[in-house]
Protein backbone atom coordinates (compact mmCIF):
# COMPACT_ATOMS: atom_id res chain seq x y z
CA UNK A 1 0.00 0.00 0.00
CA UNK A 2 1.21 3.49 -0.86
CA UNK A 3 -1.17 5.88 0.87
CA UNK A 4 -0.46 9.46 -0.16
CA UNK A 5 -1.59 12.51 1.81
CA UNK A 6 -1.69 16.07 0.49
CA UNK A 7 -2.76 19.28 2.19
CA UNK A 8 -4.19 22.18 0.23
CA UNK A 9 -7.14 24.48 -0.40
CA UNK A 10 -8.71 23.89 3.02
CA UNK A 11 -8.83 20.11 2.77
CA UNK A 12 -6.71 17.03 3.25
CA UNK A 13 -6.59 14.61 0.30
CA UNK A 14 -5.76 10.94 0.82
CA UNK A 15 -5.23 8.54 -2.09
CA UNK A 16 -3.86 5.09 -2.86
CA UNK A 17 -2.74 4.54 -6.49
CA UNK A 18 -4.45 1.12 -6.76
CA UNK A 19 -7.85 2.61 -5.81
CA UNK A 20 -9.73 4.82 -8.24
CA UNK A 21 -11.12 7.11 -5.58
CA UNK A 22 -9.92 10.23 -3.80
CA UNK A 23 -10.84 10.77 -0.16
CA UNK A 24 -11.11 14.31 1.18
CA UNK A 25 -11.23 15.48 4.78
CA UNK A 26 -12.69 18.92 5.40
CA UNK A 27 -13.75 20.86 8.45
CA UNK A 28 -17.42 21.68 8.93
CA UNK A 29 -17.59 25.44 9.45
CA UNK A 30 -20.65 25.17 11.71
CA UNK A 31 -19.41 22.44 14.07
CA UNK A 32 -15.62 22.74 13.56
CA UNK A 33 -15.54 18.94 13.28
CA UNK A 34 -13.99 17.01 10.40
CA UNK A 35 -15.93 15.00 7.84
CA UNK A 36 -14.89 12.69 5.01
CA UNK A 37 -16.13 12.57 1.44
CA UNK A 38 -14.89 10.99 -1.78
CA UNK A 39 -15.32 11.44 -5.50
CA UNK A 40 -17.23 8.14 -5.67
CA UNK A 41 -19.90 9.17 -3.17
CA UNK A 42 -18.48 8.31 0.27
CA UNK A 43 -19.78 11.00 2.63
CA UNK A 44 -19.87 11.28 6.43
CA UNK A 45 -21.11 14.89 6.68
CA UNK A 46 -24.00 14.92 9.11
CA UNK A 47 -23.58 11.21 9.86
CA UNK A 48 -20.14 10.89 11.45
CA UNK A 49 -17.87 13.81 12.14
CA UNK A 50 -14.61 13.75 14.06
CA UNK A 51 -13.48 16.34 16.62
CA UNK A 52 -9.91 15.17 16.03
CA UNK A 53 -8.31 15.29 12.57
CA UNK A 54 -6.12 12.27 13.39
CA UNK A 55 -9.21 10.12 13.96
CA UNK A 56 -10.63 11.15 10.58
CA UNK A 57 -7.32 10.26 8.91
CA UNK A 58 -7.27 6.87 10.64
CA UNK A 59 -10.83 6.22 9.44
CA UNK A 60 -9.82 6.91 5.82
CA UNK A 61 -6.75 4.67 6.11
CA UNK A 62 -8.92 1.86 7.52
CA UNK A 63 -11.38 2.36 4.65
CA UNK A 64 -8.55 2.12 2.14
CA UNK A 65 -7.08 -1.00 3.79
CA UNK A 66 -10.44 -2.78 3.58
CA UNK A 67 -11.42 -1.34 0.16
CA UNK A 68 -11.17 -4.64 -1.75
CA UNK A 69 -12.29 -6.87 1.11
CA UNK A 70 -15.50 -4.84 1.44
CA UNK A 71 -16.21 -5.65 -2.20
CA UNK A 72 -15.69 -9.39 -1.72
CA UNK A 73 -12.32 -9.35 -3.49
CA UNK A 74 -8.86 -10.24 -2.32
CA UNK A 75 -6.32 -7.46 -1.98
CA UNK A 76 -4.25 -7.12 -5.16
CA UNK A 77 -0.69 -8.42 -5.11
CA UNK A 78 1.57 -5.83 -3.49
CA UNK A 79 -1.29 -3.99 -1.76
C-alpha atoms as a PDB file:
ATOM      1  CA  UNK A   1       0.000   0.000   0.000  1.00  0.00           C
ATOM      2  CA  UNK A   2       1.206   3.492  -0.859  1.00  0.00           C
ATOM      3  CA  UNK A   3      -1.167   5.885   0.871  1.00  0.00           C
ATOM      4  CA  UNK A   4      -0.460   9.463  -0.159  1.00  0.00           C
ATOM      5  CA  UNK A   5      -1.590  12.506   1.813  1.00  0.00           C
ATOM      6  CA  UNK A   6      -1.693  16.071   0.486  1.00  0.00           C
ATOM      7  CA  UNK A   7      -2.755  19.283   2.190  1.00  0.00           C
ATOM      8  CA  UNK A   8      -4.190  22.175   0.230  1.00  0.00           C
ATOM      9  CA  UNK A   9      -7.140  24.478  -0.400  1.00  0.00           C
ATOM     10  CA  UNK A  10      -8.714  23.893   3.019  1.00  0.00           C
ATOM     11  CA  UNK A  11      -8.826  20.114   2.770  1.00  0.00           C
ATOM     12  CA  UNK A  12      -6.714  17.035   3.249  1.00  0.00           C
ATOM     13  CA  UNK A  13      -6.587  14.614   0.298  1.00  0.00           C
ATOM     14  CA  UNK A  14      -5.763  10.940   0.817  1.00  0.00           C
ATOM     15  CA  UNK A  15      -5.230   8.541  -2.086  1.00  0.00           C
ATOM     16  CA  UNK A  16      -3.864   5.089  -2.860  1.00  0.00           C
ATOM     17  CA  UNK A  17      -2.739   4.545  -6.490  1.00  0.00           C
ATOM     18  CA  UNK A  18      -4.449   1.122  -6.758  1.00  0.00           C
ATOM     19  CA  UNK A  19      -7.847   2.608  -5.808  1.00  0.00           C
ATOM     20  CA  UNK A  20      -9.727   4.824  -8.236  1.00  0.00           C
ATOM     21  CA  UNK A  21     -11.123   7.110  -5.577  1.00  0.00           C
ATOM     22  CA  UNK A  22      -9.925  10.234  -3.800  1.00  0.00           C
ATOM     23  CA  UNK A  23     -10.838  10.765  -0.155  1.00  0.00           C
ATOM     24  CA  UNK A  24     -11.106  14.310   1.182  1.00  0.00           C
ATOM     25  CA  UNK A  25     -11.233  15.484   4.781  1.00  0.00           C
ATOM     26  CA  UNK A  26     -12.687  18.919   5.402  1.00  0.00           C
ATOM     27  CA  UNK A  27     -13.754  20.861   8.446  1.00  0.00           C
ATOM     28  CA  UNK A  28     -17.421  21.680   8.932  1.00  0.00           C
ATOM     29  CA  UNK A  29     -17.594  25.444   9.453  1.00  0.00           C
ATOM     30  CA  UNK A  30     -20.650  25.169  11.707  1.00  0.00           C
ATOM     31  CA  UNK A  31     -19.411  22.439  14.074  1.00  0.00           C
ATOM     32  CA  UNK A  32     -15.619  22.736  13.561  1.00  0.00           C
ATOM     33  CA  UNK A  33     -15.541  18.937  13.275  1.00  0.00           C
ATOM     34  CA  UNK A  34     -13.991  17.014  10.395  1.00  0.00           C
ATOM     35  CA  UNK A  35     -15.928  15.003   7.838  1.00  0.00           C
ATOM     36  CA  UNK A  36     -14.891  12.693   5.009  1.00  0.00           C
ATOM     37  CA  UNK A  37     -16.129  12.568   1.439  1.00  0.00           C
ATOM     38  CA  UNK A  38     -14.887  10.988  -1.778  1.00  0.00           C
ATOM     39  CA  UNK A  39     -15.320  11.439  -5.501  1.00  0.00           C
ATOM     40  CA  UNK A  40     -17.231   8.140  -5.668  1.00  0.00           C
ATOM     41  CA  UNK A  41     -19.898   9.166  -3.167  1.00  0.00           C
ATOM     42  CA  UNK A  42     -18.483   8.309   0.266  1.00  0.00           C
ATOM     43  CA  UNK A  43     -19.780  11.003   2.629  1.00  0.00           C
ATOM     44  CA  UNK A  44     -19.870  11.280   6.428  1.00  0.00           C
ATOM     45  CA  UNK A  45     -21.106  14.893   6.677  1.00  0.00           C
ATOM     46  CA  UNK A  46     -23.998  14.919   9.111  1.00  0.00           C
ATOM     47  CA  UNK A  47     -23.577  11.213   9.859  1.00  0.00           C
ATOM     48  CA  UNK A  48     -20.136  10.887  11.452  1.00  0.00           C
ATOM     49  CA  UNK A  49     -17.870  13.811  12.145  1.00  0.00           C
ATOM     50  CA  UNK A  50     -14.611  13.748  14.064  1.00  0.00           C
ATOM     51  CA  UNK A  51     -13.483  16.336  16.618  1.00  0.00           C
ATOM     52  CA  UNK A  52      -9.913  15.167  16.033  1.00  0.00           C
ATOM     53  CA  UNK A  53      -8.309  15.290  12.571  1.00  0.00           C
ATOM     54  CA  UNK A  54      -6.120  12.275  13.387  1.00  0.00           C
ATOM     55  CA  UNK A  55      -9.210  10.123  13.965  1.00  0.00           C
ATOM     56  CA  UNK A  56     -10.628  11.153  10.585  1.00  0.00           C
ATOM     57  CA  UNK A  57      -7.318  10.262   8.909  1.00  0.00           C
ATOM     58  CA  UNK A  58      -7.273   6.872  10.638  1.00  0.00           C
ATOM     59  CA  UNK A  59     -10.835   6.219   9.441  1.00  0.00           C
ATOM     60  CA  UNK A  60      -9.819   6.906   5.823  1.00  0.00           C
ATOM     61  CA  UNK A  61      -6.748   4.669   6.115  1.00  0.00           C
ATOM     62  CA  UNK A  62      -8.923   1.858   7.522  1.00  0.00           C
ATOM     63  CA  UNK A  63     -11.385   2.362   4.654  1.00  0.00           C
ATOM     64  CA  UNK A  64      -8.547   2.116   2.138  1.00  0.00           C
ATOM     65  CA  UNK A  65      -7.079  -1.001   3.794  1.00  0.00           C
ATOM     66  CA  UNK A  66     -10.439  -2.776   3.575  1.00  0.00           C
ATOM     67  CA  UNK A  67     -11.424  -1.342   0.160  1.00  0.00           C
ATOM     68  CA  UNK A  68     -11.166  -4.639  -1.752  1.00  0.00           C
ATOM     69  CA  UNK A  69     -12.293  -6.871   1.115  1.00  0.00           C
ATOM     70  CA  UNK A  70     -15.500  -4.843   1.439  1.00  0.00           C
ATOM     71  CA  UNK A  71     -16.212  -5.652  -2.203  1.00  0.00           C
ATOM     72  CA  UNK A  72     -15.687  -9.386  -1.716  1.00  0.00           C
ATOM     73  CA  UNK A  73     -12.317  -9.353  -3.485  1.00  0.00           C
ATOM     74  CA  UNK A  74      -8.856 -10.244  -2.320  1.00  0.00           C
ATOM     75  CA  UNK A  75      -6.324  -7.456  -1.976  1.00  0.00           C
ATOM     76  CA  UNK A  76      -4.248  -7.117  -5.158  1.00  0.00           C
ATOM     77  CA  UNK A  77      -0.692  -8.416  -5.111  1.00  0.00           C
ATOM     78  CA  UNK A  78       1.566  -5.827  -3.494  1.00  0.00           C
ATOM     79  CA  UNK A  79      -1.290  -3.985  -1.764  1.00  0.00           C
END
